[in-house]
Amino acid sequence: MEGMIAEVLINRNKNGLIEVSVLRKGMSSGAVQTYPTTEEAKATLAALGFPEALINERIRALWQAPVDGLLRFPESEIQDEILRSHGFKAA
C-alpha cells in the first residue's frame, strides 16, 4: 500500500461546518472535506490514524478557536486508499 506524509488541519467555517484538510508534505494545496457534525469529522480523523484523545482535544479546542482558525494534527503517513475512501481525491 502506498502512503504519503501529510499534514492534517481542521477548522470550523462561518456556517458552523467542520472542514478537514489533508496537505501533502511539500505541496501548497490539498484536499478538503466538510462535515456537518462533530461525530462525522471525528470518525474521519480516527480513520486517518489519529488517537481518540488527540481528536477529542483538537475538537474541543476547535470550538474555542475563532471561526476559520486552523488547528494542526501531527504530520503522519496516511495510506492513499484510506484518503480516497474518505473523499480526499486530490490528496
Protein backbone atom coordinates (compact mmCIF):
# COMPACT_ATOMS: atom_id res chain seq x y z
CA MET A 1 0.00 0.00 0.00
CA GLU A 2 1.26 3.40 -0.89
CA GLY A 3 1.03 6.25 1.56
CA MET A 4 2.14 9.80 1.92
CA ILE A 5 3.41 12.06 4.64
CA ALA A 6 0.63 14.54 5.21
CA GLU A 7 -0.38 17.36 7.45
CA VAL A 8 -3.99 17.33 8.60
CA LEU A 9 -5.73 20.51 9.69
CA ILE A 10 -9.24 21.20 10.92
CA ASN A 11 -11.26 24.37 11.11
CA ARG A 12 -14.83 25.49 11.70
CA ASN A 13 -16.19 27.64 8.90
CA LYS A 14 -18.66 30.53 9.20
CA ASN A 15 -21.56 28.11 8.58
CA GLY A 16 -20.53 26.02 11.61
CA LEU A 17 -19.32 23.10 9.49
CA ILE A 18 -16.07 21.32 10.29
CA GLU A 19 -13.52 21.18 7.50
CA VAL A 20 -10.76 18.57 7.47
CA SER A 21 -7.84 19.38 5.16
CA VAL A 22 -5.09 16.99 4.09
CA LEU A 23 -1.93 18.59 2.74
CA ARG A 24 0.74 16.50 1.07
CA LYS A 25 4.14 17.36 2.52
CA GLY A 26 5.83 19.99 0.36
CA MET A 27 2.64 20.96 -1.51
CA SER A 28 0.81 24.24 -1.11
CA SER A 29 -2.66 22.82 -1.69
CA GLY A 30 -4.54 19.71 -0.73
CA ALA A 31 -7.92 18.12 -0.33
CA VAL A 32 -10.72 19.35 1.92
CA GLN A 33 -13.82 17.54 3.16
CA THR A 34 -16.64 19.26 5.04
CA TYR A 35 -18.66 17.61 7.80
CA PRO A 36 -21.95 18.82 9.28
CA THR A 37 -21.42 17.03 12.60
CA THR A 38 -18.57 16.62 15.03
CA GLU A 39 -19.12 12.86 15.04
CA GLU A 40 -18.57 12.59 11.29
CA ALA A 41 -15.38 14.64 11.46
CA LYS A 42 -14.12 12.58 14.41
CA ALA A 43 -14.80 9.33 12.52
CA THR A 44 -12.74 10.52 9.56
CA LEU A 45 -9.89 11.71 11.78
CA ALA A 46 -9.87 8.31 13.53
CA ALA A 47 -9.78 6.54 10.16
CA LEU A 48 -6.77 8.69 9.22
CA GLY A 49 -5.00 7.14 12.19
CA PHE A 50 -5.18 9.74 14.95
CA PRO A 51 -5.78 8.61 18.55
CA GLU A 52 -9.14 9.38 20.13
CA ALA A 53 -7.62 11.51 22.92
CA LEU A 54 -5.87 13.78 20.39
CA ILE A 55 -9.01 14.07 18.26
CA ASN A 56 -11.13 15.00 21.28
CA GLU A 57 -8.55 17.58 22.39
CA ARG A 58 -8.45 19.24 18.96
CA ILE A 59 -12.25 19.19 18.56
CA ARG A 60 -12.68 20.87 21.97
CA ALA A 61 -10.10 23.49 21.00
CA LEU A 62 -11.84 24.00 17.65
CA TRP A 63 -14.98 25.31 19.36
CA GLN A 64 -12.87 27.78 21.35
CA ALA A 65 -10.85 28.96 18.34
CA PRO A 66 -12.02 31.78 16.08
CA VAL A 67 -14.07 30.84 13.02
CA ASP A 68 -11.73 29.71 10.24
CA GLY A 69 -8.88 29.27 12.74
CA LEU A 70 -6.77 26.26 11.75
CA LEU A 71 -5.76 23.55 14.20
CA ARG A 72 -2.98 21.16 13.18
CA PHE A 73 -2.52 17.48 13.81
CA PRO A 74 0.98 15.97 13.85
CA GLU A 75 2.38 15.04 10.44
CA SER A 76 1.79 11.40 9.73
CA GLU A 77 1.87 8.82 6.98
CA ILE A 78 -1.61 8.14 5.64
CA GLN A 79 -2.36 5.40 3.13
CA ASP A 80 -3.70 6.62 -0.22
CA GLU A 81 -6.52 4.06 -0.09
CA ILE A 82 -7.75 5.46 3.24
CA LEU A 83 -7.64 9.02 1.90
CA ARG A 84 -9.62 8.06 -1.21
CA SER A 85 -12.18 6.11 0.82
CA HIS A 86 -12.93 9.30 2.78
CA GLY A 87 -13.24 11.53 -0.28
CA PHE A 88 -9.78 13.07 -0.32
CA LYS A 89 -9.34 12.57 -4.07
CA ALA A 90 -6.94 15.46 -4.71
CA ALA A 91 -4.57 14.46 -1.90
